[in-house]
Structure formats: C-alpha cells, structure tokens
C-alpha cells in the first residue's frame, strides 16, 4: 500500500522565453513522468533520494529543456553522466 503524496511543490524554472513546471513530492518509490499536454514534469521521490538516480529516470521521459531545468533544481549538472 502506498502512502499518500504529501506537500507537493510546484517549481517554475525560468529558462529564456519559457517557464518549466516541475511538480515534486515525497513518495515511497522514485517516479518521474511528463505531461506533454500541460508541459509539466512530475517527480515523486523517497526522502533523500540521490539526484543522479532521479536524473537517470528523468532522462527517459523528459524533453531536453525540462531535463536541464530539473537538473538545475536538483543542483546537478545536466551532463553529470559524462563528468
């Protein structure tokens, strides 16, 4: 049984002419999904999840600009895997 999502945070990350929307909330498993229609990334993570693990999951579903916005929010370089 999964616990309810608590305290979701909607982040608006200004990137040039657009503003990415990232919804981040606590959850028992790592889940990253993206709504093309709404241009919103949803990131559900256990407390203290490694940012690199979040980005590995996000790389599979997010468009490049939203992925870069998320990496910036997590404090990790978008090209962390090549470092």
PDB file of N, CA and C in Angstrom:
ATOM      1  N   UNK A   1       0.844  -1.175   0.000  1.00  0.00           N
ATOM      2  CA  UNK A   1       0.000   0.000   0.000  1.00  0.00           C
ATOM      3  C   UNK A   1       0.885   1.233   0.000  1.00  0.00           C
ATOM      4  N   UNK A   2       0.644   2.122  -0.921  1.00  0.00           N
ATOM      5  CA  UNK A   2       1.480   3.316  -0.989  1.00  0.00           C
ATOM      6  C   UNK A   2       0.933   4.398  -0.077  1.00  0.00           C
ATOM      7  N   UNK A   3       1.827   5.176   0.449  1.00  0.00           N
ATOM      8  CA  UNK A   3       1.394   6.266   1.311  1.00  0.00           C
ATOM      9  C   UNK A   3       0.976   7.452   0.443  1.00  0.00           C
ATOM     10  N   UNK A   4       0.139   8.320   0.960  1.00  0.00           N
ATOM     11  CA  UNK A   4      -0.310   9.453   0.157  1.00  0.00           C
ATOM     12  C   UNK A   4       0.832  10.424  -0.133  1.00  0.00           C
ATOM     13  N   UNK A   5       0.723  11.107  -1.239  1.00  0.00           N
ATOM     14  CA  UNK A   5       1.703  12.123  -1.610  1.00  0.00           C
ATOM     15  C   UNK A   5       1.510  13.311  -0.684  1.00  0.00           C
ATOM     16  N   UNK A   6       2.589  13.762  -0.088  1.00  0.00           N
ATOM     17  CA  UNK A   6       2.473  14.880   0.837  1.00  0.00           C
ATOM     18  C   UNK A   6       3.234  16.094   0.341  1.00  0.00           C
ATOM     19  N   UNK A   7       2.671  17.223   0.574  1.00  0.00           N
ATOM     20  CA  UNK A   7       3.296  18.513   0.296  1.00  0.00           C
ATOM     21  C   UNK A   7       3.923  18.619  -1.093  1.00  0.00           C
ATOM     22  N   UNK A   8       3.132  18.472  -2.162  1.00  0.00           N
ATOM     23  CA  UNK A   8       3.730  18.677  -3.478  1.00  0.00           C
ATOM     24  C   UNK A   8       4.190  20.112  -3.640  1.00  0.00           C
ATOM     25  N   UNK A   9       5.262  20.289  -4.342  1.00  0.00           N
ATOM     26  CA  UNK A   9       5.823  21.610  -4.584  1.00  0.00           C
ATOM     27  C   UNK A   9       5.844  21.835  -6.092  1.00  0.00           C
ATOM     28  N   UNK A  10       5.260  22.935  -6.534  1.00  0.00           N
ATOM     29  CA  UNK A  10       5.311  23.279  -7.950  1.00  0.00           C
ATOM     30  C   UNK A  10       6.406  24.304  -8.136  1.00  0.00           C
ATOM     31  N   UNK A  11       7.382  23.975  -8.958  1.00  0.00           N
ATOM     32  CA  UNK A  11       8.502  24.871  -9.203  1.00  0.00           C
ATOM     33  C   UNK A  11       8.359  25.468 -10.586  1.00  0.00           C
ATOM     34  N   UNK A  12       8.578  26.731 -10.713  1.00  0.00           N
ATOM     35  CA  UNK A  12       8.619  27.367 -12.025  1.00  0.00           C
ATOM     36  C   UNK A  12      10.064  27.791 -12.243  1.00  0.00           C
ATOM     37  N   UNK A  13      10.661  27.228 -13.260  1.00  0.00           N
ATOM     38  CA  UNK A  13      12.063  27.494 -13.552  1.00  0.00           C
ATOM     39  C   UNK A  13      12.129  28.324 -14.824  1.00  0.00           C
ATOM     40  N   UNK A  14      12.542  29.565 -14.714  1.00  0.00           N
ATOM     41  CA  UNK A  14      12.611  30.441 -15.885  1.00  0.00           C
ATOM     42  C   UNK A  14      13.773  30.035 -16.773  1.00  0.00           C
ATOM     43  N   UNK A  15      13.480  29.792 -18.028  1.00  0.00           N
ATOM     44  CA  UNK A  15      14.516  29.437 -18.996  1.00  0.00           C
ATOM     45  C   UNK A  15      14.246  30.206 -20.276  1.00  0.00           C
ATOM     46  N   UNK A  16      14.822  31.364 -20.370  1.00  0.00           N
ATOM     47  CA  UNK A  16      14.615  32.175 -21.568  1.00  0.00           C
ATOM     48  C   UNK A  16      13.170  32.612 -21.690  1.00  0.00           C
ATOM     49  N   UNK A  17      12.531  32.236 -22.794  1.00  0.00           N
ATOM     50  CA  UNK A  17      11.176  32.681 -23.071  1.00  0.00           C
ATOM     51  C   UNK A  17      10.116  31.801 -22.409  1.00  0.00           C
ATOM     52  N   UNK A  18      10.505  30.694 -21.817  1.00  0.00           N
ATOM     53  CA  UNK A  18       9.506  29.818 -21.229  1.00  0.00           C
ATOM     54  C   UNK A  18       9.777  29.569 -19.751  1.00  0.00           C
ATOM     55  N   UNK A  19       8.812  29.022 -19.088  1.00  0.00           N
ATOM     56  CA  UNK A  19       8.947  28.694 -17.679  1.00  0.00           C
ATOM     57  C   UNK A  19       8.524  27.247 -17.482  1.00  0.00           C
ATOM     58  N   UNK A  20       9.468  26.369 -17.180  1.00  0.00           N
ATOM     59  CA  UNK A  20       9.162  24.958 -16.984  1.00  0.00           C
ATOM     60  C   UNK A  20       8.428  24.778 -15.673  1.00  0.00           C
ATOM     61  N   UNK A  21       7.527  23.809 -15.647  1.00  0.00           N
ATOM     62  CA  UNK A  21       6.824  23.494 -14.406  1.00  0.00           C
ATOM     63  C   UNK A  21       7.217  22.090 -13.977  1.00  0.00           C
ATOM     64  N   UNK A  22       7.678  22.003 -12.760  1.00  0.00           N
ATOM     65  CA  UNK A  22       8.100  20.729 -12.196  1.00  0.00           C
ATOM     66  C   UNK A  22       7.357  20.553 -10.877  1.00  0.00           C
ATOM     67  N   UNK A  23       6.599  19.474 -10.747  1.00  0.00           N
ATOM     68  CA  UNK A  23       5.903  19.172  -9.503  1.00  0.00           C
ATOM     69  C   UNK A  23       6.717  18.102  -8.804  1.00  0.00           C
ATOM     70  N   UNK A  24       7.170  18.409  -7.587  1.00  0.00           N
ATOM     71  CA  UNK A  24       7.989  17.466  -6.839  1.00  0.00           C
ATOM     72  C   UNK A  24       7.303  17.161  -5.518  1.00  0.00           C
ATOM     73  N   UNK A  25       7.223  15.876  -5.175  1.00  0.00           N
ATOM     74  CA  UNK A  25       6.586  15.476  -3.927  1.00  0.00           C
ATOM     75  C   UNK A  25       7.238  14.207  -3.406  1.00  0.00           C
ATOM     76  N   UNK A  26       7.082  13.987  -2.103  1.00  0.00           N
ATOM     77  CA  UNK A  26       7.609  12.778  -1.484  1.00  0.00           C
ATOM     78  C   UNK A  26       6.757  11.570  -1.836  1.00  0.00           C
ATOM     79  N   UNK A  27       7.394  10.419  -1.978  1.00  0.00           N
ATOM     80  CA  UNK A  27       6.706   9.180  -2.310  1.00  0.00           C
ATOM     81  C   UNK A  27       7.608   8.030  -1.904  1.00  0.00           C
ATOM     82  N   UNK A  28       7.060   6.834  -1.767  1.00  0.00           N
ATOM     83  CA  UNK A  28       7.895   5.710  -1.329  1.00  0.00           C
ATOM     84  C   UNK A  28       8.785   5.148  -2.425  1.00  0.00           C
ATOM     85  N   UNK A  29       8.467   5.444  -3.698  1.00  0.00           N
ATOM     86  CA  UNK A  29       9.297   4.990  -4.824  1.00  0.00           C
ATOM     87  C   UNK A  29       9.637   6.181  -5.707  1.00  0.00           C
ATOM     88  N   UNK A  30      10.673   6.026  -6.510  1.00  0.00           N
ATOM     89  CA  UNK A  30      11.070   7.059  -7.456  1.00  0.00           C
ATOM     90  C   UNK A  30      10.216   6.934  -8.716  1.00  0.00           C
ATOM     91  N   UNK A  31       9.496   8.003  -9.036  1.00  0.00           N
ATOM     92  CA  UNK A  31       8.654   8.038 -10.233  1.00  0.00           C
ATOM     93  C   UNK A  31       8.854   9.389 -10.900  1.00  0.00           C
ATOM     94  N   UNK A  32       9.144   9.372 -12.202  1.00  0.00           N
ATOM     95  CA  UNK A  32       9.243  10.604 -12.986  1.00  0.00           C
ATOM     96  C   UNK A  32       8.346  10.421 -14.200  1.00  0.00           C
ATOM     97  N   UNK A  33       7.429  11.350 -14.407  1.00  0.00           N
ATOM     98  CA  UNK A  33       6.546  11.293 -15.559  1.00  0.00           C
ATOM     99  C   UNK A  33       6.380  12.707 -16.120  1.00  0.00           C
ATOM    100  N   UNK A  34       5.886  12.791 -17.333  1.00  0.00           N
ATOM    101  CA  UNK A  34       5.799  14.087 -18.006  1.00  0.00           C
ATOM    102  C   UNK A  34       4.479  14.183 -18.756  1.00  0.00           C
ATOM    103  N   UNK A  35       3.776  15.288 -18.569  1.00  0.00           N
ATOM    104  CA  UNK A  35       2.543  15.556 -19.299  1.00  0.00           C
ATOM    105  C   UNK A  35       2.865  16.472 -20.467  1.00  0.00           C
ATOM    106  N   UNK A  36       2.791  15.921 -21.686  1.00  0.00           N
ATOM    107  CA  UNK A  36       3.075  16.708 -22.882  1.00  0.00           C
ATOM    108  C   UNK A  36       2.045  17.824 -23.020  1.00  0.00           C
ATOM    109  N   UNK A  37       0.784  17.473 -22.796  1.00  0.00           N
ATOM    110  CA  UNK A  37      -0.293  18.456 -22.959  1.00  0.00           C
ATOM    111  C   UNK A  37      -0.103  19.664 -22.052  1.00  0.00           C
ATOM    112  N   UNK A  38       0.263  19.424 -20.789  1.00  0.00           N
ATOM    113  CA  UNK A  38       0.408  20.511 -19.820  1.00  0.00           C
ATOM    114  C   UNK A  38       1.834  21.030 -19.685  1.00  0.00           C
ATOM    115  N   UNK A  39       2.801  20.334 -20.297  1.00  0.00           N
ATOM    116  CA  UNK A  39       4.219  20.669 -20.179  1.00  0.00           C
ATOM    117  C   UNK A  39       4.640  20.734 -18.707  1.00  0.00           C
ATOM    118  N   UNK A  40       4.303  19.678 -17.969  1.00  0.00           N
ATOM    119  CA  UNK A  40       4.641  19.593 -16.547  1.00  0.00           C
ATOM    120  C   UNK A  40       5.364  18.279 -16.287  1.00  0.00           C
ATOM    121  N   UNK A  41       6.464  18.352 -15.556  1.00  0.00           N
ATOM    122  CA  UNK A  41       7.176  17.160 -15.104  1.00  0.00           C
ATOM    123  C   UNK A  41       6.738  16.862 -13.672  1.00  0.00           C
ATOM    124  N   UNK A  42       6.410  15.605 -13.407  1.00  0.00           N
ATOM    125  CA  UNK A  42       6.045  15.171 -12.064  1.00  0.00           C
ATOM    126  C   UNK A  42       7.159  14.276 -11.539  1.00  0.00           C
ATOM    127  N   UNK A  43       7.725  14.653 -10.391  1.00  0.00           N
ATOM    128  CA  UNK A  43       8.845  13.924  -9.803  1.00  0.00           C
ATOM    129  C   UNK A  43       8.441  13.517  -8.385  1.00  0.00           C
ATOM    130  N   UNK A  44       8.278  12.217  -8.186  1.00  0.00           N
ATOM    131  CA  UNK A  44       7.939  11.681  -6.873  1.00  0.00           C
ATOM    132  C   UNK A  44       9.155  10.906  -6.389  1.00  0.00           C
ATOM    133  N   UNK A  45       9.649  11.254  -5.213  1.00  0.00           N
ATOM    134  CA  UNK A  45      10.883  10.628  -4.741  1.00  0.00           C
ATOM    135  C   UNK A  45      10.821  10.317  -3.252  1.00  0.00           C
ATOM    136  N   UNK A  46      11.485   9.238  -2.845  1.00  0.00           N
ATOM    137  CA  UNK A  46      11.648   8.990  -1.417  1.00  0.00           C
ATOM    138  C   UNK A  46      12.518  10.097  -0.816  1.00  0.00           C
ATOM    139  N   UNK A  47      12.358  10.380   0.459  1.00  0.00           N
ATOM    140  CA  UNK A  47      13.208  11.388   1.094  1.00  0.00           C
ATOM    141  C   UNK A  47      14.686  11.029   0.942  1.00  0.00           C
ATOM    142  N   UNK A  48      15.501  12.008   0.581  1.00  0.00           N
ATOM    143  CA  UNK A  48      16.938  11.815   0.474  1.00  0.00           C
ATOM    144  C   UNK A  48      17.400  11.053  -0.753  1.00  0.00           C
ATOM    145  N   UNK A  49      16.539  10.895  -1.750  1.00  0.00           N
ATOM    146  CA  UNK A  49      16.923  10.160  -2.971  1.00  0.00           C
ATOM    147  C   UNK A  49      18.101  10.850  -3.653  1.00  0.00           C
ATOM    148  N   UNK A  50      19.022  10.065  -4.163  1.00  0.00           N
ATOM    149  CA  UNK A  50      20.205  10.568  -4.862  1.00  0.00           C
ATOM    150  C   UNK A  50      19.779  11.315  -6.132  1.00  0.00           C
ATOM    151  N   UNK A  51      20.190  12.582  -6.310  1.00  0.00           N
ATOM    152  CA  UNK A  51      19.829  13.326  -7.518  1.00  0.00           C
ATOM    153  C   UNK A  51      20.217  12.609  -8.811  1.00  0.00           C
ATOM    154  N   UNK A  52      21.322  11.875  -8.805  1.00  0.00           N
ATOM    155  CA  UNK A  52      21.735  11.151 -10.008  1.00  0.00           C
ATOM    156  C   UNK A  52      20.712  10.077 -10.371  1.00  0.00           C
ATOM    157  N   UNK A  53      20.125   9.429  -9.379  1.00  0.00           N
ATOM    158  CA  UNK A  53      19.093   8.417  -9.641  1.00  0.00           C
ATOM    159  C   UNK A  53      17.850   9.072 -10.230  1.00  0.00           C
ATOM    160  N   UNK A  54      17.501  10.239  -9.724  1.00  0.00           N
ATOM    161  CA  UNK A  54      16.347  10.973 -10.257  1.00  0.00           C
ATOM    162  C   UNK A  54      16.604  11.334 -11.718  1.00  0.00           C
ATOM    163  N   UNK A  55      17.799  11.824 -12.017  1.00  0.00           N
ATOM    164  CA  UNK A  55      18.111  12.217 -13.395  1.00  0.00           C
ATOM    165  C   UNK A  55      18.182  11.024 -14.337  1.00  0.00           C
ATOM    166  N   UNK A  56      18.640   9.874 -13.850  1.00  0.00           N
ATOM    167  CA  UNK A  56      18.645   8.678 -14.704  1.00  0.00           C
ATOM    168  C   UNK A  56      17.225   8.324 -15.121  1.00  0.00           C
ATOM    169  N   UNK A  57      16.284   8.405 -14.197  1.00  0.00           N
ATOM    170  CA  UNK A  57      14.884   8.119 -14.519  1.00  0.00           C
ATOM    171  C   UNK A  57      14.304   9.222 -15.400  1.00  0.00           C
ATOM    172  N   UNK A  58      14.623  10.474 -15.101  1.00  0.00           N
ATOM    173  CA  UNK A  58      14.082  11.608 -15.846  1.00  0.00           C
ATOM    174  C   UNK A  58      14.566  11.626 -17.291  1.00  0.00           C
ATOM    175  N   UNK A  59      15.786  11.167 -17.521  1.00  0.00           N
ATOM    176  CA  UNK A  59      16.358  11.162 -18.870  1.00  0.00           C
ATOM    177  C   UNK A  59      15.484  10.376 -19.845  1.00  0.00           C
ATOM    178  N   UNK A  60      14.768   9.384 -19.337  1.00  0.00           N
ATOM    179  CA  UNK A  60      13.942   8.530 -20.187  1.00  0.00           C
ATOM    180  C   UNK A  60      12.641   9.193 -20.633  1.00  0.00           C
ATOM    181  N   UNK A  61      12.159  10.190 -19.881  1.00  0.00           N
ATOM    182  CA  UNK A  61      10.822  10.723 -20.164  1.00  0.00           C
ATOM    183  C   UNK A  61      10.741  12.220 -20.415  1.00  0.00           C
ATOM    184  N   UNK A  62      11.743  12.971 -20.007  1.00  0.00           N
ATOM    185  CA  UNK A  62      11.638  14.426 -20.121  1.00  0.00           C
ATOM    186  C   UNK A  62      12.285  14.963 -21.386  1.00  0.00           C
ATOM    187  N   UNK A  63      11.680  16.001 -21.978  1.00  0.00           N
ATOM    188  CA  UNK A  63      12.350  16.688 -23.086  1.00  0.00           C
ATOM    189  C   UNK A  63      13.626  17.358 -22.565  1.00  0.00           C
ATOM    190  N   UNK A  64      14.562  17.623 -23.450  1.00  0.00           N
ATOM    191  CA  UNK A  64      15.871  18.153 -23.048  1.00  0.00           C
ATOM    192  C   UNK A  64      15.796  19.391 -22.171  1.00  0.00           C
ATOM    193  N   UNK A  65      14.980  20.371 -22.559  1.00  0.00           N
ATOM    194  CA  UNK A  65      14.961  21.617 -21.780  1.00  0.00           C
ATOM    195  C   UNK A  65      14.387  21.401 -20.382  1.00  0.00           C
ATOM    196  N   UNK A  66      13.360  20.575 -20.249  1.00  0.00           N
ATOM    197  CA  UNK A  66      12.790  20.293 -18.926  1.00  0.00           C
ATOM    198  C   UNK A  66      13.765  19.460 -18.098  1.00  0.00           C
ATOM    199  N   UNK A  67      14.473  18.534 -18.737  1.00  0.00           N
ATOM    200  CA  UNK A  67      15.502  17.735 -18.053  1.00  0.00           C
ATOM    201  C   UNK A  67      16.581  18.654 -17.481  1.00  0.00           C
ATOM    202  N   UNK A  68      17.019  19.621 -18.267  1.00  0.00           N
ATOM    203  CA  UNK A  68      18.035  20.572 -17.803  1.00  0.00           C
ATOM    204  C   UNK A  68      17.513  21.415 -16.646  1.00  0.00           C
ATOM    205  N   UNK A  69      16.237  21.817 -16.705  1.00  0.00           N
ATOM    206  CA  UNK A  69      15.632  22.572 -15.608  1.00  0.00           C
ATOM    207  C   UNK A  69      15.619  21.742 -14.324  1.00  0.00           C
ATOM    208  N   UNK A  70      15.257  20.470 -14.440  1.00  0.00           N
ATOM    209  CA  UNK A  70      15.229  19.595 -13.275  1.00  0.00           C
ATOM    210  C   UNK A  70      16.631  19.402 -12.709  1.00  0.00           C
ATOM    211  N   UNK A  71      17.607  19.186 -13.567  1.00  0.00           N
ATOM    212  CA  UNK A  71      18.994  19.022 -13.111  1.00  0.00           C
ATOM    213  C   UNK A  71      19.442  20.253 -12.338  1.00  0.00           C
ATOM    214  N   UNK A  72      19.113  21.423 -12.855  1.00  0.00           N
ATOM    215  CA  UNK A  72      19.474  22.669 -12.177  1.00  0.00           C
ATOM    216  C   UNK A  72      18.808  22.751 -10.805  1.00  0.00           C
ATOM    217  N   UNK A  73      17.540  22.395 -10.745  1.00  0.00           N
ATOM    218  CA  UNK A  73      16.821  22.413  -9.470  1.00  0.00           C
ATOM    219  C   UNK A  73      17.438  21.447  -8.459  1.00  0.00           C
ATOM    220  N   UNK A  74      17.884  20.289  -8.940  1.00  0.00           N
ATOM    221  CA  UNK A  74      18.490  19.297  -8.055  1.00  0.00           C
ATOM    222  C   UNK A  74      19.932  19.634  -7.698  1.00  0.00           C
ATOM    223  N   UNK A  75      20.495  20.654  -8.347  1.00  0.00           N
ATOM    224  CA  UNK A  75      21.867  21.058  -8.058  1.00  0.00           C
ATOM    225  C   UNK A  75      22.903  20.159  -8.698  1.00  0.00           C
ATOM    226  N   UNK A  76      22.518  19.518  -9.812  1.00  0.00           N
ATOM    227  CA  UNK A  76      23.413  18.604 -10.519  1.00  0.00           C
ATOM    228  C   UNK A  76      23.514  19.080 -11.961  1.00  0.00           C
ATOM    229  N   UNK A  77      24.682  18.972 -12.540  1.00  0.00           N
ATOM    230  CA  UNK A  77      24.862  19.325 -13.942  1.00  0.00           C
ATOM    231  C   UNK A  77      24.042  18.401 -14.819  1.00  0.00           C
ATOM    232  N   UNK A  78      23.415  18.935 -15.862  1.00  0.00           N
ATOM    233  CA  UNK A  78      22.613  18.123 -16.783  1.00  0.00           C
ATOM    234  C   UNK A  78      23.466  17.075 -17.483  1.00  0.00           C
ATOM    235  N   UNK A  79      24.762  17.301 -17.580  1.00  0.00           N
ATOM    236  CA  UNK A  79      25.658  16.316 -18.219  1.00  0.00           C
ATOM    237  C   UNK A  79      26.479  15.571 -17.174  1.00  0.00           C
ATOM    238  N   UNK A  80      25.881  15.325 -16.013  1.00  0.00           N
ATOM    239  CA  UNK A  80      26.558  14.667 -14.902  1.00  0.00           C
ATOM    240  C   UNK A  80      27.113  13.305 -15.281  1.00  0.00           C
ATOM    241  N   UNK A  81      26.455  12.583 -16.174  1.00  0.00           N
ATOM    242  CA  UNK A  81      26.905  11.232 -16.528  1.00  0.00           C
ATOM    243  C   UNK A  81      28.241  11.236 -17.265  1.00  0.00           C
ATOM    244  N   UNK A  82      28.542  12.335 -17.949  1.00  0.00           N
ATOM    245  CA  UNK A  82      29.809  12.390 -18.709  1.00  0.00           C
ATOM    246  C   UNK A  82      30.941  12.990 -17.905  1.00  0.00           C
ATOM    247  N   UNK A  83      30.653  13.388 -16.683  1.00  0.00           N
ATOM    248  CA  UNK A  83      31.713  14.003 -15.853  1.00  0.00           C
ATOM    249  C   UNK A  83      32.554  12.961 -15.173  1.00  0.00           C
TER     250      UNK A  83
END
